[in-house]
Amino acid sequence: MRQKIVAGNWKMNTSIASGLELAQAVKTGLEGKSLNDVKLILAPPFTHLHAIEEMIKDSPLGLAAQNTASEKSGAYTGEVSAEMLASAGVGYVILGHSERRKYYHETDELLVQKLTRVLEAGLTPIFCIGEELEDREKGNHFELVKSQLKNGLFHCSPEDFAKVIIAYEPVWAIGTGLTASPEQAEEMHAFIREELSKAFGVEKANACSMLYGGSCKASNARELFAQPNVDGGLIGGASLQADEFIRIAESF
C-alpha cells in the first residue's frame, strides 16, 4: 500500500502568529478523527518552521519546507540549507514547484543539486513536475513531463528514488480555478508511473506516492483521490483553512 498524503503548501502567506493559529486549528481539528492512515503535512514559510515544529511535534502532523538551497553551506546570503531545515525539525522539502520554476527560473540541473542536498540531510523530497497550458494545448504535455522526470530524477539510485514523493501539477490549474478532471489527472499519473517503472522497475514505481496539485479542494478531492494512481494532494489555497484542509484529508 502506498502512503496516502495530503500536504498543505501555504506559500507566502500568514504571519508567524496567524500561522501558529492555523497549525493549532489543524492539530485540534484532527483530535479524535481517524483518517485511514493518511499523512498530513504542513509547509509554512521558513520563518514559521521552528515554532510550528514545537507545536506539532506530539501530533501526527508532518512538517515541510517550501524550498531549500542547492549548496550545503557557505557564503550564500539569504539561503537556507537542507541541514538547517533538518535541525529545525523539518521532515520534508518541496522541490521544483511550478512557481519556483517559472518565477525564479529553477532549472532541472539546479533541482538535481537541491535533491541531492535534501537526500544527504535525510529529508524526504516532494518533487514537483507538470506542464503549462501551452504545452497541453499543443499536445506536448507528456513529453514535457517525461523530460522533467528524466532530467530531475532518473540520475537517482533505486534506493534514493524510493525516498521521493512526486507531485504532479498541471500548471494551468494552479490558482486559476481550473482543475484537471479526475480522468486527466489519472491519465498523467499513470503515464508518470509507467515512466518510473522503466527507470526504476515496477516494484519501486508502484511504491512511489504521487500527489495531485492543482486547485484541489474538498469539493473535488474525493473524485481525484479515487483514481488508482492518485495517492493524495499537494494543496495550495485550500490549506489555509483548517476545516477545508481536514475535509480534503477525509476525502479518502
C-alpha atoms as a PDB file:
ATOM      1  CA  MET A   1       0.000   0.000   0.000  1.00  0.00           C
ATOM      2  CA  ARG A   2       1.352   3.414  -0.965  1.00  0.00           C
ATOM      3  CA  GLN A   3       1.323   6.127   1.690  1.00  0.00           C
ATOM      4  CA  LYS A   4      -1.675   8.448   1.289  1.00  0.00           C
ATOM      5  CA  ILE A   5      -0.559  12.048   1.723  1.00  0.00           C
ATOM      6  CA  VAL A   6      -2.189  15.467   1.894  1.00  0.00           C
ATOM      7  CA  ALA A   7       0.383  18.280   2.064  1.00  0.00           C
ATOM      8  CA  GLY A   8      -0.587  21.912   2.584  1.00  0.00           C
ATOM      9  CA  ASN A   9       1.657  24.424   0.811  1.00  0.00           C
ATOM     10  CA  TRP A  10       0.983  27.764   2.482  1.00  0.00           C
ATOM     11  CA  LYS A  11       3.229  29.617   0.004  1.00  0.00           C
ATOM     12  CA  MET A  12       3.985  33.235   1.052  1.00  0.00           C
ATOM     13  CA  ASN A  13       1.003  33.567   3.364  1.00  0.00           C
ATOM     14  CA  THR A  14       0.380  34.117   7.103  1.00  0.00           C
ATOM     15  CA  SER A  15       2.379  35.902   9.758  1.00  0.00           C
ATOM     16  CA  ILE A  16       4.022  33.781  12.436  1.00  0.00           C
ATOM     17  CA  ALA A  17       1.095  34.481  14.752  1.00  0.00           C
ATOM     18  CA  SER A  18      -1.611  33.615  12.228  1.00  0.00           C
ATOM     19  CA  GLY A  19       0.419  30.634  11.003  1.00  0.00           C
ATOM     20  CA  LEU A  20       0.576  29.270  14.538  1.00  0.00           C
ATOM     21  CA  GLU A  21      -3.183  29.756  14.838  1.00  0.00           C
ATOM     22  CA  LEU A  22      -3.716  27.825  11.608  1.00  0.00           C
ATOM     23  CA  ALA A  23      -1.399  24.993  12.643  1.00  0.00           C
ATOM     24  CA  GLN A  24      -3.130  24.778  16.031  1.00  0.00           C
ATOM     25  CA  ALA A  25      -6.537  24.697  14.335  1.00  0.00           C
ATOM     26  CA  VAL A  26      -5.435  21.779  12.136  1.00  0.00           C
ATOM     27  CA  LYS A  27      -3.933  19.954  15.099  1.00  0.00           C
ATOM     28  CA  THR A  28      -7.045  20.482  17.218  1.00  0.00           C
ATOM     29  CA  GLY A  29      -9.341  19.606  14.334  1.00  0.00           C
ATOM     30  CA  LEU A  30      -7.657  16.226  13.921  1.00  0.00           C
ATOM     31  CA  GLU A  31      -8.218  15.184  17.524  1.00  0.00           C
ATOM     32  CA  GLY A  32     -10.478  12.153  17.690  1.00  0.00           C
ATOM     33  CA  LYS A  33     -10.520  11.709  13.917  1.00  0.00           C
ATOM     34  CA  SER A  34      -9.429   8.580  12.091  1.00  0.00           C
ATOM     35  CA  LEU A  35      -8.004   9.447   8.675  1.00  0.00           C
ATOM     36  CA  ASN A  36      -7.301   5.895   7.493  1.00  0.00           C
ATOM     37  CA  ASP A  37      -3.515   6.239   7.596  1.00  0.00           C
ATOM     38  CA  VAL A  38      -3.454   9.496   5.621  1.00  0.00           C
ATOM     39  CA  LYS A  39      -0.298  11.518   6.360  1.00  0.00           C
ATOM     40  CA  LEU A  40      -0.953  15.248   6.748  1.00  0.00           C
ATOM     41  CA  ILE A  41       1.948  17.622   6.148  1.00  0.00           C
ATOM     42  CA  LEU A  42       2.136  21.384   6.723  1.00  0.00           C
ATOM     43  CA  ALA A  43       4.501  23.513   4.609  1.00  0.00           C
ATOM     44  CA  PRO A  44       4.596  27.018   6.149  1.00  0.00           C
ATOM     45  CA  PRO A  45       7.106  29.781   5.323  1.00  0.00           C
ATOM     46  CA  PHE A  46      10.673  29.402   6.606  1.00  0.00           C
ATOM     47  CA  THR A  47      10.079  31.926   9.407  1.00  0.00           C
ATOM     48  CA  HIS A  48       7.405  29.716  10.965  1.00  0.00           C
ATOM     49  CA  LEU A  49       9.108  26.333  10.851  1.00  0.00           C
ATOM     50  CA  HIS A  50      10.701  26.080  14.291  1.00  0.00           C
ATOM     51  CA  ALA A  51       7.691  27.454  16.173  1.00  0.00           C
ATOM     52  CA  ILE A  52       5.272  25.176  14.320  1.00  0.00           C
ATOM     53  CA  GLU A  53       7.542  22.176  14.824  1.00  0.00           C
ATOM     54  CA  GLU A  54       7.411  22.816  18.569  1.00  0.00           C
ATOM     55  CA  MET A  55       3.616  22.968  18.397  1.00  0.00           C
ATOM     56  CA  ILE A  56       3.013  19.811  16.342  1.00  0.00           C
ATOM     57  CA  LYS A  57       5.837  17.525  17.483  1.00  0.00           C
ATOM     58  CA  ASP A  58       3.490  15.495  19.697  1.00  0.00           C
ATOM     59  CA  SER A  59       0.951  15.128  16.869  1.00  0.00           C
ATOM     60  CA  PRO A  60       0.812  13.000  13.699  1.00  0.00           C
ATOM     61  CA  LEU A  61       1.344  16.084  11.518  1.00  0.00           C
ATOM     62  CA  GLY A  62       4.455  16.281   9.353  1.00  0.00           C
ATOM     63  CA  LEU A  63       6.411  19.454   8.609  1.00  0.00           C
ATOM     64  CA  ALA A  64       7.776  20.529   5.219  1.00  0.00           C
ATOM     65  CA  ALA A  65       9.807  23.434   3.894  1.00  0.00           C
ATOM     66  CA  GLN A  66       8.773  25.031   0.617  1.00  0.00           C
ATOM     67  CA  ASN A  67      12.301  25.168  -0.814  1.00  0.00           C
ATOM     68  CA  THR A  68      15.969  24.734   0.063  1.00  0.00           C
ATOM     69  CA  ALA A  69      19.395  25.870  -1.117  1.00  0.00           C
ATOM     70  CA  SER A  70      21.346  23.993  -3.765  1.00  0.00           C
ATOM     71  CA  GLU A  71      24.552  24.266  -1.727  1.00  0.00           C
ATOM     72  CA  LYS A  72      25.429  22.553   1.525  1.00  0.00           C
ATOM     73  CA  SER A  73      26.793  25.644   3.326  1.00  0.00           C
ATOM     74  CA  GLY A  74      28.917  28.723   2.771  1.00  0.00           C
ATOM     75  CA  ALA A  75      28.741  32.332   1.605  1.00  0.00           C
ATOM     76  CA  TYR A  76      25.248  32.239   0.117  1.00  0.00           C
ATOM     77  CA  THR A  77      23.457  35.181   1.710  1.00  0.00           C
ATOM     78  CA  GLY A  78      19.761  34.640   2.229  1.00  0.00           C
ATOM     79  CA  GLU A  79      19.793  30.912   1.526  1.00  0.00           C
ATOM     80  CA  VAL A  80      18.584  28.152   3.865  1.00  0.00           C
ATOM     81  CA  SER A  81      20.319  24.788   3.637  1.00  0.00           C
ATOM     82  CA  ALA A  82      18.783  21.342   3.910  1.00  0.00           C
ATOM     83  CA  GLU A  83      20.883  20.668   7.019  1.00  0.00           C
ATOM     84  CA  MET A  84      19.461  23.816   8.635  1.00  0.00           C
ATOM     85  CA  LEU A  85      15.967  22.592   7.839  1.00  0.00           C
ATOM     86  CA  ALA A  86      16.701  19.198   9.364  1.00  0.00           C
ATOM     87  CA  SER A  87      17.975  20.902  12.517  1.00  0.00           C
ATOM     88  CA  ALA A  88      14.661  22.807  12.735  1.00  0.00           C
ATOM     89  CA  GLY A  89      12.698  19.553  12.794  1.00  0.00           C
ATOM     90  CA  VAL A  90      11.609  19.578   9.152  1.00  0.00           C
ATOM     91  CA  GLY A  91      10.951  16.180   7.594  1.00  0.00           C
ATOM     92  CA  TYR A  92      10.011  17.078   4.010  1.00  0.00           C
ATOM     93  CA  VAL A  93      11.046  19.623   1.376  1.00  0.00           C
ATOM     94  CA  ILE A  94       9.035  20.741  -1.669  1.00  0.00           C
ATOM     95  CA  LEU A  95      11.290  20.955  -4.727  1.00  0.00           C
ATOM     96  CA  GLY A  96      10.659  22.247  -8.228  1.00  0.00           C
ATOM     97  CA  HIS A  97       7.261  23.783  -7.561  1.00  0.00           C
ATOM     98  CA  SER A  98       5.946  25.385 -10.750  1.00  0.00           C
ATOM     99  CA  GLU A  99       6.178  28.846  -9.169  1.00  0.00           C
ATOM    100  CA  ARG A 100       9.877  28.263  -8.427  1.00  0.00           C
ATOM    101  CA  ARG A 101      10.471  27.036 -11.959  1.00  0.00           C
ATOM    102  CA  LYS A 102       8.549  29.942 -13.520  1.00  0.00           C
ATOM    103  CA  TYR A 103       9.346  32.974 -11.360  1.00  0.00           C
ATOM    104  CA  TYR A 104      12.844  32.040 -10.194  1.00  0.00           C
ATOM    105  CA  HIS A 105      13.921  30.151 -13.314  1.00  0.00           C
ATOM    106  CA  GLU A 106      14.867  26.990 -11.466  1.00  0.00           C
ATOM    107  CA  THR A 107      16.310  24.531 -13.986  1.00  0.00           C
ATOM    108  CA  ASP A 108      16.401  20.756 -13.959  1.00  0.00           C
ATOM    109  CA  GLU A 109      20.140  20.967 -13.270  1.00  0.00           C
ATOM    110  CA  LEU A 110      19.610  23.167 -10.211  1.00  0.00           C
ATOM    111  CA  LEU A 111      16.902  20.829  -8.930  1.00  0.00           C
ATOM    112  CA  VAL A 112      19.270  17.867  -9.181  1.00  0.00           C
ATOM    113  CA  GLN A 113      21.614  19.742  -6.824  1.00  0.00           C
ATOM    114  CA  LYS A 114      18.779  20.566  -4.433  1.00  0.00           C
ATOM    115  CA  LEU A 115      17.510  16.991  -4.495  1.00  0.00           C
ATOM    116  CA  THR A 116      20.990  15.758  -3.630  1.00  0.00           C
ATOM    117  CA  ARG A 117      21.225  18.141  -0.662  1.00  0.00           C
ATOM    118  CA  VAL A 118      17.798  17.101   0.625  1.00  0.00           C
ATOM    119  CA  LEU A 119      18.613  13.398   0.471  1.00  0.00           C
ATOM    120  CA  GLU A 120      22.019  13.968   2.090  1.00  0.00           C
ATOM    121  CA  ALA A 121      20.263  15.684   5.006  1.00  0.00           C
ATOM    122  CA  GLY A 122      17.961  12.693   5.487  1.00  0.00           C
ATOM    123  CA  LEU A 123      14.855  14.615   4.419  1.00  0.00           C
ATOM    124  CA  THR A 124      12.060  13.489   2.102  1.00  0.00           C
ATOM    125  CA  PRO A 125      11.718  15.429  -1.164  1.00  0.00           C
ATOM    126  CA  ILE A 126       8.305  16.252  -2.622  1.00  0.00           C
ATOM    127  CA  PHE A 127       9.409  16.642  -6.238  1.00  0.00           C
ATOM    128  CA  CYS A 128       7.050  18.688  -8.439  1.00  0.00           C
ATOM    129  CA  ILE A 129       6.542  18.281 -12.166  1.00  0.00           C
ATOM    130  CA  GLY A 130       3.871  19.479 -14.575  1.00  0.00           C
ATOM    131  CA  GLU A 131       3.025  21.278 -17.786  1.00  0.00           C
ATOM    132  CA  GLU A 132       1.899  24.778 -18.728  1.00  0.00           C
ATOM    133  CA  LEU A 133      -1.389  25.305 -20.562  1.00  0.00           C
ATOM    134  CA  GLU A 134       0.525  25.941 -23.805  1.00  0.00           C
ATOM    135  CA  ASP A 135       2.184  22.514 -23.563  1.00  0.00           C
ATOM    136  CA  ARG A 136      -1.144  20.786 -23.081  1.00  0.00           C
ATOM    137  CA  GLU A 137      -2.844  22.692 -25.891  1.00  0.00           C
ATOM    138  CA  LYS A 138      -0.031  21.710 -28.257  1.00  0.00           C
ATOM    139  CA  GLY A 139      -0.162  18.091 -27.099  1.00  0.00           C
ATOM    140  CA  ASN A 140       3.367  18.280 -25.655  1.00  0.00           C
ATOM    141  CA  HIS A 141       2.370  17.621 -22.051  1.00  0.00           C
ATOM    142  CA  PHE A 142       3.527  14.014 -21.897  1.00  0.00           C
ATOM    143  CA  GLU A 143       6.927  14.793 -23.420  1.00  0.00           C
ATOM    144  CA  LEU A 144       7.408  17.784 -21.130  1.00  0.00           C
ATOM    145  CA  VAL A 145       6.657  15.759 -18.003  1.00  0.00           C
ATOM    146  CA  LYS A 146       8.833  12.900 -19.255  1.00  0.00           C
ATOM    147  CA  SER A 147      11.701  15.362 -19.714  1.00  0.00           C
ATOM    148  CA  GLN A 148      11.279  16.752 -16.194  1.00  0.00           C
ATOM    149  CA  LEU A 149      11.357  13.223 -14.791  1.00  0.00           C
ATOM    150  CA  LYS A 150      14.379  12.194 -16.822  1.00  0.00           C
ATOM    151  CA  ASN A 151      16.415  15.323 -16.101  1.00  0.00           C
ATOM    152  CA  GLY A 152      15.424  15.702 -12.475  1.00  0.00           C
ATOM    153  CA  LEU A 153      15.096  12.175 -11.083  1.00  0.00           C
ATOM    154  CA  PHE A 154      16.478   9.468 -13.325  1.00  0.00           C
ATOM    155  CA  HIS A 155      20.038  10.005 -12.069  1.00  0.00           C
ATOM    156  CA  CYS A 156      18.932   8.687  -8.649  1.00  0.00           C
ATOM    157  CA  SER A 157      19.870   5.266  -7.400  1.00  0.00           C
ATOM    158  CA  PRO A 158      16.858   2.999  -6.815  1.00  0.00           C
ATOM    159  CA  GLU A 159      17.480   3.389  -3.079  1.00  0.00           C
ATOM    160  CA  ASP A 160      17.361   7.195  -3.248  1.00  0.00           C
ATOM    161  CA  PHE A 161      14.385   7.207  -5.595  1.00  0.00           C
ATOM    162  CA  ALA A 162      12.455   5.143  -3.057  1.00  0.00           C
ATOM    163  CA  LYS A 163      12.598   8.159  -0.717  1.00  0.00           C
ATOM    164  CA  VAL A 164      10.979  10.562  -3.219  1.00  0.00           C
ATOM    165  CA  ILE A 165       7.347  11.721  -3.273  1.00  0.00           C
ATOM    166  CA  ILE A 166       6.178  13.079  -6.628  1.00  0.00           C
ATOM    167  CA  ALA A 167       3.635  15.872  -7.067  1.00  0.00           C
ATOM    168  CA  TYR A 168       2.072  16.359 -10.484  1.00  0.00           C
ATOM    169  CA  GLU A 169       0.929  19.930 -11.035  1.00  0.00           C
ATOM    170  CA  PRO A 170      -0.907  20.867 -14.200  1.00  0.00           C
ATOM    171  CA  VAL A 171       0.356  24.451 -14.038  1.00  0.00           C
ATOM    172  CA  TRP A 172      -2.714  25.719 -15.888  1.00  0.00           C
ATOM    173  CA  ALA A 173      -4.831  24.565 -12.930  1.00  0.00           C
ATOM    174  CA  ILE A 174      -2.899  26.337 -10.159  1.00  0.00           C
ATOM    175  CA  GLY A 175      -4.647  29.396  -8.773  1.00  0.00           C
ATOM    176  CA  THR A 176      -6.838  29.659 -11.867  1.00  0.00           C
ATOM    177  CA  GLY A 177      -9.926  27.890 -10.592  1.00  0.00           C
ATOM    178  CA  LEU A 178      -9.439  25.340 -13.361  1.00  0.00           C
ATOM    179  CA  THR A 179      -8.885  21.751 -12.316  1.00  0.00           C
ATOM    180  CA  ALA A 180      -7.761  18.758 -14.287  1.00  0.00           C
ATOM    181  CA  SER A 181     -10.618  16.293 -14.468  1.00  0.00           C
ATOM    182  CA  PRO A 182     -10.145  13.092 -12.468  1.00  0.00           C
ATOM    183  CA  GLU A 183      -9.626  11.333 -15.797  1.00  0.00           C
ATOM    184  CA  GLN A 184      -6.931  13.812 -16.890  1.00  0.00           C
ATOM    185  CA  ALA A 185      -5.185  13.527 -13.537  1.00  0.00           C
ATOM    186  CA  GLU A 186      -5.270   9.729 -13.654  1.00  0.00           C
ATOM    187  CA  GLU A 187      -4.046   9.660 -17.254  1.00  0.00           C
ATOM    188  CA  MET A 188      -0.941  11.673 -16.367  1.00  0.00           C
ATOM    189  CA  HIS A 189      -0.306   9.878 -13.080  1.00  0.00           C
ATOM    190  CA  ALA A 190      -0.489   6.528 -14.860  1.00  0.00           C
ATOM    191  CA  PHE A 191       1.913   7.825 -17.518  1.00  0.00           C
ATOM    192  CA  ILE A 192       4.354   9.012 -14.848  1.00  0.00           C
ATOM    193  CA  ARG A 193       4.223   5.664 -13.055  1.00  0.00           C
ATOM    194  CA  GLU A 194       4.912   3.863 -16.324  1.00  0.00           C
ATOM    195  CA  GLU A 195       7.974   6.042 -16.949  1.00  0.00           C
ATOM    196  CA  LEU A 196       9.157   5.413 -13.393  1.00  0.00           C
ATOM    197  CA  SER A 197       8.734   1.677 -13.981  1.00  0.00           C
ATOM    198  CA  LYS A 198      11.047   1.866 -16.977  1.00  0.00           C
ATOM    199  CA  ALA A 199      13.680   3.738 -14.980  1.00  0.00           C
ATOM    200  CA  PHE A 200      13.495   2.048 -11.574  1.00  0.00           C
ATOM    201  CA  GLY A 201      11.440  -1.113 -12.009  1.00  0.00           C
ATOM    202  CA  VAL A 202       7.787  -1.894 -11.438  1.00  0.00           C
ATOM    203  CA  GLU A 203       8.126  -2.548  -7.702  1.00  0.00           C
ATOM    204  CA  LYS A 204       9.789   0.801  -6.941  1.00  0.00           C
ATOM    205  CA  ALA A 205       7.399   2.680  -9.224  1.00  0.00           C
ATOM    206  CA  ASN A 206       4.331   1.102  -7.654  1.00  0.00           C
ATOM    207  CA  ALA A 207       5.580   2.045  -4.175  1.00  0.00           C
ATOM    208  CA  CYS A 208       6.011   5.747  -5.038  1.00  0.00           C
ATOM    209  CA  SER A 209       3.365   8.072  -3.586  1.00  0.00           C
ATOM    210  CA  MET A 210       2.148  10.502  -6.228  1.00  0.00           C
ATOM    211  CA  LEU A 211       0.206  13.635  -5.333  1.00  0.00           C
ATOM    212  CA  TYR A 212      -2.055  15.795  -7.483  1.00  0.00           C
ATOM    213  CA  GLY A 213      -1.548  19.545  -7.161  1.00  0.00           C
ATOM    214  CA  GLY A 214      -3.837  21.952  -8.971  1.00  0.00           C
ATOM    215  CA  SER A 215      -6.855  23.627  -7.337  1.00  0.00           C
ATOM    216  CA  CYS A 216      -7.671  20.549  -5.291  1.00  0.00           C
ATOM    217  CA  LYS A 217     -10.300  21.269  -2.660  1.00  0.00           C
ATOM    218  CA  ALA A 218     -12.832  19.410  -0.531  1.00  0.00           C
ATOM    219  CA  SER A 219     -15.458  19.553  -3.272  1.00  0.00           C
ATOM    220  CA  ASN A 220     -13.364  17.652  -5.819  1.00  0.00           C
ATOM    221  CA  ALA A 221     -10.846  15.728  -3.708  1.00  0.00           C
ATOM    222  CA  ARG A 222     -12.938  12.579  -3.348  1.00  0.00           C
ATOM    223  CA  GLU A 223     -13.153  12.044  -7.110  1.00  0.00           C
ATOM    224  CA  LEU A 224      -9.473  12.838  -7.615  1.00  0.00           C
ATOM    225  CA  PHE A 225      -8.276  10.597  -4.780  1.00  0.00           C
ATOM    226  CA  ALA A 226     -10.444   7.725  -6.023  1.00  0.00           C
ATOM    227  CA  GLN A 227      -8.226   7.394  -9.094  1.00  0.00           C
ATOM    228  CA  PRO A 228      -5.907   4.336  -8.936  1.00  0.00           C
ATOM    229  CA  ASN A 229      -2.666   6.294  -9.346  1.00  0.00           C
ATOM    230  CA  VAL A 230      -3.526   9.423  -7.324  1.00  0.00           C
ATOM    231  CA  ASP A 231      -2.242   8.996  -3.775  1.00  0.00           C
ATOM    232  CA  GLY A 232      -3.152  12.384  -2.350  1.00  0.00           C
ATOM    233  CA  GLY A 233      -2.766  16.086  -2.937  1.00  0.00           C
ATOM    234  CA  LEU A 234      -0.367  18.996  -2.723  1.00  0.00           C
ATOM    235  CA  ILE A 235      -2.838  21.642  -1.608  1.00  0.00           C
ATOM    236  CA  GLY A 236      -2.369  25.382  -2.059  1.00  0.00           C
ATOM    237  CA  GLY A 237      -5.036  27.931  -1.126  1.00  0.00           C
ATOM    238  CA  ALA A 238      -7.386  25.383   0.442  1.00  0.00           C
ATOM    239  CA  SER A 239      -4.712  24.506   3.018  1.00  0.00           C
ATOM    240  CA  LEU A 240      -5.044  27.996   4.532  1.00  0.00           C
ATOM    241  CA  GLN A 241      -8.410  26.985   6.003  1.00  0.00           C
ATOM    242  CA  ALA A 242      -8.074  24.311   8.675  1.00  0.00           C
ATOM    243  CA  ASP A 243     -11.556  22.828   8.215  1.00  0.00           C
ATOM    244  CA  GLU A 244     -11.190  22.654   4.433  1.00  0.00           C
ATOM    245  CA  PHE A 245      -7.748  21.071   4.704  1.00  0.00           C
ATOM    246  CA  ILE A 246      -9.026  18.397   7.084  1.00  0.00           C
ATOM    247  CA  ARG A 247     -12.047  17.716   4.863  1.00  0.00           C
ATOM    248  CA  ILE A 248      -9.687  17.137   1.947  1.00  0.00           C
ATOM    249  CA  ALA A 249      -7.811  14.540   4.011  1.00  0.00           C
ATOM    250  CA  GLU A 250     -11.109  12.936   4.953  1.00  0.00           C
ATOM    251  CA  SER A 251     -11.927  12.541   1.244  1.00  0.00           C
ATOM    252  CA  PHE A 252     -10.067   9.237   1.195  1.00  0.00           C
END
